[in-house]
Amino acid sequence: MTLDQAKNLKYGDILHHANHRNADGTPQRWRVTGKVKTWKKDASRIYVPIKHGMYNYDHLDEHSLDLVNKA
């Protein structure tokens, strides 16, 4: 995923993990759980809150965008 694609994400968008798979072999689904945060002074920084399942919360930043693909 590119930086521009990540900036256009919105609440509820589904992302597929590039490396992690479910038991049936399908890619893990992660859902965007909040607003995408960007910085005015540094346009290359980004923070995207995401969730997998019921209890797994995480976030994406500019260094981890290559781990997910937009569904």
PDB file of N, CA and C in Angstrom:
ATOM      1  N   MET A   1       0.848  -1.164   0.000  1.00  0.00           N
ATOM      2  CA  MET A   1       0.000   0.000   0.000  1.00  0.00           C
ATOM      3  C   MET A   1       0.896   1.229   0.000  1.00  0.00           C
ATOM      4  N   THR A   2       0.497   2.207  -0.777  1.00  0.00           N
ATOM      5  CA  THR A   2       1.276   3.440  -0.855  1.00  0.00           C
ATOM      6  C   THR A   2       0.816   4.427   0.207  1.00  0.00           C
ATOM      7  N   LEU A   3       1.585   5.462   0.396  1.00  0.00           N
ATOM      8  CA  LEU A   3       1.252   6.492   1.372  1.00  0.00           C
ATOM      9  C   LEU A   3      -0.032   7.217   0.986  1.00  0.00           C
ATOM     10  N   ASP A   4      -0.222   7.500  -0.293  1.00  0.00           N
ATOM     11  CA  ASP A   4      -1.438   8.177  -0.742  1.00  0.00           C
ATOM     12  C   ASP A   4      -2.675   7.307  -0.535  1.00  0.00           C
ATOM     13  N   GLN A   5      -2.567   6.004  -0.774  1.00  0.00           N
ATOM     14  CA  GLN A   5      -3.686   5.105  -0.538  1.00  0.00           C
ATOM     15  C   GLN A   5      -4.033   5.069   0.944  1.00  0.00           C
ATOM     16  N   ALA A   6      -3.027   5.072   1.803  1.00  0.00           N
ATOM     17  CA  ALA A   6      -3.255   5.034   3.241  1.00  0.00           C
ATOM     18  C   ALA A   6      -3.922   6.321   3.734  1.00  0.00           C
ATOM     19  N   LYS A   7      -3.564   7.449   3.139  1.00  0.00           N
ATOM     20  CA  LYS A   7      -4.178   8.716   3.548  1.00  0.00           C
ATOM     21  C   LYS A   7      -5.660   8.771   3.176  1.00  0.00           C
ATOM     22  N   ASN A   8      -6.087   7.980   2.181  1.00  0.00           N
ATOM     23  CA  ASN A   8      -7.476   7.974   1.751  1.00  0.00           C
ATOM     24  C   ASN A   8      -8.320   6.922   2.461  1.00  0.00           C
ATOM     25  N   LEU A   9      -7.736   6.169   3.415  1.00  0.00           N
ATOM     26  CA  LEU A   9      -8.510   5.191   4.166  1.00  0.00           C
ATOM     27  C   LEU A   9      -9.508   5.898   5.059  1.00  0.00           C
ATOM     28  N   LYS A  10     -10.620   5.207   5.327  1.00  0.00           N
ATOM     29  CA  LYS A  10     -11.610   5.752   6.237  1.00  0.00           C
ATOM     30  C   LYS A  10     -12.085   4.657   7.183  1.00  0.00           C
ATOM     31  N   TYR A  11     -12.815   5.034   8.192  1.00  0.00           N
ATOM     32  CA  TYR A  11     -13.311   4.112   9.208  1.00  0.00           C
ATOM     33  C   TYR A  11     -14.092   2.974   8.551  1.00  0.00           C
ATOM     34  N   GLY A  12     -13.764   1.739   8.924  1.00  0.00           N
ATOM     35  CA  GLY A  12     -14.476   0.577   8.420  1.00  0.00           C
ATOM     36  C   GLY A  12     -13.849  -0.081   7.208  1.00  0.00           C
ATOM     37  N   ASP A  13     -12.853   0.532   6.590  1.00  0.00           N
ATOM     38  CA  ASP A  13     -12.200  -0.088   5.434  1.00  0.00           C
ATOM     39  C   ASP A  13     -11.499  -1.374   5.865  1.00  0.00           C
ATOM     40  N   ILE A  14     -11.524  -2.369   4.983  1.00  0.00           N
ATOM     41  CA  ILE A  14     -10.914  -3.671   5.255  1.00  0.00           C
ATOM     42  C   ILE A  14      -9.564  -3.751   4.555  1.00  0.00           C
ATOM     43  N   LEU A  15      -8.563  -4.229   5.301  1.00  0.00           N
ATOM     44  CA  LEU A  15      -7.218  -4.423   4.773  1.00  0.00           C
ATOM     45  C   LEU A  15      -6.852  -5.894   4.923  1.00  0.00           C
ATOM     46  N   HIS A  16      -6.107  -6.444   3.980  1.00  0.00           N
ATOM     47  CA  HIS A  16      -5.622  -7.819   4.061  1.00  0.00           C
ATOM     48  C   HIS A  16      -4.132  -7.810   4.351  1.00  0.00           C
ATOM     49  N   HIS A  17      -3.726  -8.619   5.329  1.00  0.00           N
ATOM     50  CA  HIS A  17      -2.315  -8.703   5.708  1.00  0.00           C
ATOM     51  C   HIS A  17      -1.554  -9.496   4.655  1.00  0.00           C
ATOM     52  N   ALA A  18      -0.368  -9.056   4.313  1.00  0.00           N
ATOM     53  CA  ALA A  18       0.421  -9.696   3.254  1.00  0.00           C
ATOM     54  C   ALA A  18       1.079 -10.992   3.720  1.00  0.00           C
ATOM     55  N   ASN A  19       1.424 -11.111   4.995  1.00  0.00           N
ATOM     56  CA  ASN A  19       2.176 -12.276   5.481  1.00  0.00           C
ATOM     57  C   ASN A  19       1.336 -13.234   6.319  1.00  0.00           C
ATOM     58  N   HIS A  20       0.498 -12.742   7.191  1.00  0.00           N
ATOM     59  CA  HIS A  20      -0.238 -13.585   8.124  1.00  0.00           C
ATOM     60  C   HIS A  20      -1.474 -14.166   7.455  1.00  0.00           C
ATOM     61  N   ARG A  21      -1.705 -15.453   7.702  1.00  0.00           N
ATOM     62  CA  ARG A  21      -2.835 -16.164   7.110  1.00  0.00           C
ATOM     63  C   ARG A  21      -3.725 -16.737   8.213  1.00  0.00           C
ATOM     64  N   ASN A  22      -4.995 -16.938   7.886  1.00  0.00           N
ATOM     65  CA  ASN A  22      -5.926 -17.623   8.767  1.00  0.00           C
ATOM     66  C   ASN A  22      -5.685 -19.134   8.648  1.00  0.00           C
ATOM     67  N   ALA A  23      -6.402 -19.921   9.441  1.00  0.00           N
ATOM     68  CA  ALA A  23      -6.230 -21.370   9.424  1.00  0.00           C
ATOM     69  C   ALA A  23      -6.608 -21.973   8.072  1.00  0.00           C
ATOM     70  N   ASP A  24      -7.530 -21.348   7.358  1.00  0.00           N
ATOM     71  CA  ASP A  24      -7.945 -21.881   6.056  1.00  0.00           C
ATOM     72  C   ASP A  24      -7.090 -21.358   4.901  1.00  0.00           C
ATOM     73  N   GLY A  25      -6.060 -20.593   5.193  1.00  0.00           N
ATOM     74  CA  GLY A  25      -5.144 -20.109   4.162  1.00  0.00           C
ATOM     75  C   GLY A  25      -5.472 -18.744   3.597  1.00  0.00           C
ATOM     76  N   THR A  26      -6.585 -18.160   3.972  1.00  0.00           N
ATOM     77  CA  THR A  26      -6.939 -16.823   3.492  1.00  0.00           C
ATOM     78  C   THR A  26      -6.162 -15.774   4.277  1.00  0.00           C
ATOM     79  N   PRO A  27      -5.891 -14.613   3.679  1.00  0.00           N
ATOM     80  CA  PRO A  27      -5.146 -13.575   4.413  1.00  0.00           C
ATOM     81  C   PRO A  27      -5.968 -12.999   5.567  1.00  0.00           C
ATOM     82  N   GLN A  28      -5.294 -12.619   6.646  1.00  0.00           N
ATOM     83  CA  GLN A  28      -5.986 -12.007   7.781  1.00  0.00           C
ATOM     84  C   GLN A  28      -6.618 -10.699   7.366  1.00  0.00           C
ATOM     85  N   ARG A  29      -7.822 -10.440   7.883  1.00  0.00           N
ATOM     86  CA  ARG A  29      -8.518  -9.181   7.618  1.00  0.00           C
ATOM     87  C   ARG A  29      -8.321  -8.249   8.798  1.00  0.00           C
ATOM     88  N   TRP A  30      -7.924  -7.031   8.507  1.00  0.00           N
ATOM     89  CA  TRP A  30      -7.780  -5.985   9.511  1.00  0.00           C
ATOM     90  C   TRP A  30      -8.713  -4.853   9.126  1.00  0.00           C
ATOM     91  N   ARG A  31      -9.378  -4.252  10.109  1.00  0.00           N
ATOM     92  CA  ARG A  31     -10.339  -3.181   9.850  1.00  0.00           C
ATOM     93  C   ARG A  31      -9.816  -1.881  10.429  1.00  0.00           C
ATOM     94  N   VAL A  32      -9.999  -0.799   9.700  1.00  0.00           N
ATOM     95  CA  VAL A  32      -9.601   0.531  10.172  1.00  0.00           C
ATOM     96  C   VAL A  32     -10.613   0.952  11.233  1.00  0.00           C
ATOM     97  N   THR A  33     -10.119   1.316  12.420  1.00  0.00           N
ATOM     98  CA  THR A  33     -11.004   1.600  13.545  1.00  0.00           C
ATOM     99  C   THR A  33     -11.044   3.073  13.944  1.00  0.00           C
ATOM    100  N   GLY A  34     -10.455   3.923  13.173  1.00  0.00           N
ATOM    101  CA  GLY A  34     -10.462   5.339  13.529  1.00  0.00           C
ATOM    102  C   GLY A  34     -10.017   6.194  12.369  1.00  0.00           C
ATOM    103  N   LYS A  35      -9.863   7.457  12.659  1.00  0.00           N
ATOM    104  CA  LYS A  35      -9.445   8.419  11.648  1.00  0.00           C
ATOM    105  C   LYS A  35      -7.944   8.311  11.396  1.00  0.00           C
ATOM    106  N   VAL A  36      -7.553   8.457  10.154  1.00  0.00           N
ATOM    107  CA  VAL A  36      -6.142   8.440   9.783  1.00  0.00           C
ATOM    108  C   VAL A  36      -5.505   9.756  10.227  1.00  0.00           C
ATOM    109  N   LYS A  37      -4.426   9.645  11.004  1.00  0.00           N
ATOM    110  CA  LYS A  37      -3.741  10.841  11.500  1.00  0.00           C
ATOM    111  C   LYS A  37      -2.562  11.154  10.599  1.00  0.00           C
ATOM    112  N   THR A  38      -2.438  12.399  10.185  1.00  0.00           N
ATOM    113  CA  THR A  38      -1.301  12.868   9.402  1.00  0.00           C
ATOM    114  C   THR A  38      -0.689  14.076  10.094  1.00  0.00           C
ATOM    115  N   TRP A  39       0.538  14.388   9.751  1.00  0.00           N
ATOM    116  CA  TRP A  39       1.254  15.504  10.341  1.00  0.00           C
ATOM    117  C   TRP A  39       1.411  16.614   9.315  1.00  0.00           C
ATOM    118  N   LYS A  40       1.207  17.852   9.762  1.00  0.00           N
ATOM    119  CA  LYS A  40       1.344  19.000   8.863  1.00  0.00           C
ATOM    120  C   LYS A  40       2.809  19.295   8.539  1.00  0.00           C
ATOM    121  N   LYS A  41       3.685  19.164   9.536  1.00  0.00           N
ATOM    122  CA  LYS A  41       5.093  19.505   9.324  1.00  0.00           C
ATOM    123  C   LYS A  41       5.853  18.433   8.573  1.00  0.00           C
ATOM    124  N   ASP A  42       5.356  17.197   8.597  1.00  0.00           N
ATOM    125  CA  ASP A  42       6.018  16.100   7.893  1.00  0.00           C
ATOM    126  C   ASP A  42       4.951  15.274   7.190  1.00  0.00           C
ATOM    127  N   ALA A  43       4.745  15.524   5.913  1.00  0.00           N
ATOM    128  CA  ALA A  43       3.661  14.879   5.158  1.00  0.00           C
ATOM    129  C   ALA A  43       3.902  13.392   4.932  1.00  0.00           C
ATOM    130  N   SER A  44       5.096  12.904   5.216  1.00  0.00           N
ATOM    131  CA  SER A  44       5.371  11.484   5.019  1.00  0.00           C
ATOM    132  C   SER A  44       5.016  10.640   6.244  1.00  0.00           C
ATOM    133  N   ARG A  45       4.590  11.267   7.337  1.00  0.00           N
ATOM    134  CA  ARG A  45       4.194  10.531   8.545  1.00  0.00           C
ATOM    135  C   ARG A  45       2.710  10.248   8.520  1.00  0.00           C
ATOM    136  N   ILE A  46       2.335   9.062   9.028  1.00  0.00           N
ATOM    137  CA  ILE A  46       0.937   8.666   9.050  1.00  0.00           C
ATOM    138  C   ILE A  46       0.717   7.690  10.207  1.00  0.00           C
ATOM    139  N   TYR A  47      -0.507   7.669  10.751  1.00  0.00           N
ATOM    140  CA  TYR A  47      -0.892   6.745  11.823  1.00  0.00           C
ATOM    141  C   TYR A  47      -2.304   6.261  11.516  1.00  0.00           C
ATOM    142  N   VAL A  48      -2.470   4.942  11.340  1.00  0.00           N
ATOM    143  CA  VAL A  48      -3.768   4.358  11.021  1.00  0.00           C
ATOM    144  C   VAL A  48      -4.087   3.311  12.083  1.00  0.00           C
ATOM    145  N   PRO A  49      -5.108   3.518  12.930  1.00  0.00           N
ATOM    146  CA  PRO A  49      -5.482   2.499  13.913  1.00  0.00           C
ATOM    147  C   PRO A  49      -6.249   1.358  13.233  1.00  0.00           C
ATOM    148  N   ILE A  50      -5.882   0.107  13.554  1.00  0.00           N
ATOM    149  CA  ILE A  50      -6.523  -1.053  12.944  1.00  0.00           C
ATOM    150  C   ILE A  50      -6.834  -2.109  14.006  1.00  0.00           C
ATOM    151  N   LYS A  51      -7.714  -3.061  13.644  1.00  0.00           N
ATOM    152  CA  LYS A  51      -8.142  -4.107  14.570  1.00  0.00           C
ATOM    153  C   LYS A  51      -8.322  -5.405  13.801  1.00  0.00           C
ATOM    154  N   HIS A  52      -7.973  -6.524  14.453  1.00  0.00           N
ATOM    155  CA  HIS A  52      -8.196  -7.858  13.899  1.00  0.00           C
ATOM    156  C   HIS A  52      -8.899  -8.691  14.954  1.00  0.00           C
ATOM    157  N   GLY A  53     -10.010  -9.295  14.608  1.00  0.00           N
ATOM    158  CA  GLY A  53     -10.733 -10.125  15.564  1.00  0.00           C
ATOM    159  C   GLY A  53     -11.385  -9.279  16.645  1.00  0.00           C
ATOM    160  N   MET A  54     -11.509  -9.862  17.834  1.00  0.00           N
ATOM    161  CA  MET A  54     -12.180  -9.145  18.921  1.00  0.00           C
ATOM    162  C   MET A  54     -11.228  -8.337  19.784  1.00  0.00           C
ATOM    163  N   TYR A  55      -9.988  -8.798  19.944  1.00  0.00           N
ATOM    164  CA  TYR A  55      -9.117  -8.186  20.938  1.00  0.00           C
ATOM    165  C   TYR A  55      -7.765  -7.702  20.408  1.00  0.00           C
ATOM    166  N   ASN A  56      -7.460  -7.935  19.145  1.00  0.00           N
ATOM    167  CA  ASN A  56      -6.147  -7.566  18.600  1.00  0.00           C
ATOM    168  C   ASN A  56      -6.196  -6.185  17.973  1.00  0.00           C
ATOM    169  N   TYR A  57      -5.598  -5.227  18.637  1.00  0.00           N
ATOM    170  CA  TYR A  57      -5.501  -3.858  18.137  1.00  0.00           C
ATOM    171  C   TYR A  57      -4.061  -3.571  17.753  1.00  0.00           C
ATOM    172  N   ASP A  58      -3.886  -2.762  16.719  1.00  0.00           N
ATOM    173  CA  ASP A  58      -2.553  -2.378  16.284  1.00  0.00           C
ATOM    174  C   ASP A  58      -2.671  -1.071  15.511  1.00  0.00           C
ATOM    175  N   HIS A  59      -1.599  -0.651  14.903  1.00  0.00           N
ATOM    176  CA  HIS A  59      -1.638   0.546  14.067  1.00  0.00           C
ATOM    177  C   HIS A  59      -0.646   0.400  12.919  1.00  0.00           C
ATOM    178  N   LEU A  60      -0.890   1.132  11.877  1.00  0.00           N
ATOM    179  CA  LEU A  60       0.027   1.201  10.750  1.00  0.00           C
ATOM    180  C   LEU A  60       0.702   2.557  10.778  1.00  0.00           C
ATOM    181  N   ASP A  61       1.955   2.572  10.374  1.00  0.00           N
ATOM    182  CA  ASP A  61       2.647   3.845  10.188  1.00  0.00           C
ATOM    183  C   ASP A  61       3.358   3.796   8.847  1.00  0.00           C
ATOM    184  N   GLU A  62       4.149   4.799   8.570  1.00  0.00           N
ATOM    185  CA  GLU A  62       4.785   4.886   7.264  1.00  0.00           C
ATOM    186  C   GLU A  62       5.771   3.739   7.012  1.00  0.00           C
ATOM    187  N   HIS A  63       6.220   3.072   8.068  1.00  0.00           N
ATOM    188  CA  HIS A  63       7.180   1.978   7.917  1.00  0.00           C
ATOM    189  C   HIS A  63       6.509   0.618   7.712  1.00  0.00           C
ATOM    190  N   SER A  64       5.245   0.485   8.068  1.00  0.00           N
ATOM    191  CA  SER A  64       4.581  -0.809   7.988  1.00  0.00           C
ATOM    192  C   SER A  64       3.487  -0.880   6.921  1.00  0.00           C
ATOM    193  N   LEU A  65       3.428   0.080   6.021  1.00  0.00           N
ATOM    194  CA  LEU A  65       2.387   0.080   4.991  1.00  0.00           C
ATOM    195  C   LEU A  65       2.538  -1.057   4.002  1.00  0.00           C
ATOM    196  N   ASP A  66       3.738  -1.591   3.849  1.00  0.00           N
ATOM    197  CA  ASP A  66       3.935  -2.677   2.889  1.00  0.00           C
ATOM    198  C   ASP A  66       3.395  -4.017   3.397  1.00  0.00           C
ATOM    199  N   LEU A  67       2.942  -4.079   4.651  1.00  0.00           N
ATOM    200  CA  LEU A  67       2.406  -5.322   5.218  1.00  0.00           C
ATOM    201  C   LEU A  67       0.935  -5.545   4.899  1.00  0.00           C
ATOM    202  N   VAL A  68       0.236  -4.551   4.364  1.00  0.00           N
ATOM    203  CA  VAL A  68      -1.199  -4.702   4.111  1.00  0.00           C
ATOM    204  C   VAL A  68      -1.530  -4.298   2.682  1.00  0.00           C
ATOM    205  N   ASN A  69      -2.667  -4.819   2.210  1.00  0.00           N
ATOM    206  CA  ASN A  69      -3.223  -4.471   0.906  1.00  0.00           C
ATOM    207  C   ASN A  69      -4.684  -4.105   1.106  1.00  0.00           C
ATOM    208  N   LYS A  70      -5.165  -3.147   0.356  1.00  0.00           N
ATOM    209  CA  LYS A  70      -6.566  -2.754   0.459  1.00  0.00           C
ATOM    210  C   LYS A  70      -7.424  -3.846  -0.169  1.00  0.00           C
ATOM    211  N   ALA A  71      -8.487  -4.241   0.524  1.00  0.00           N
ATOM    212  CA  ALA A  71      -9.382  -5.306   0.036  1.00  0.00           C
ATOM    213  C   ALA A  71     -10.252  -4.812  -1.090  1.00  0.00           C
TER     214      ALA A  71
END
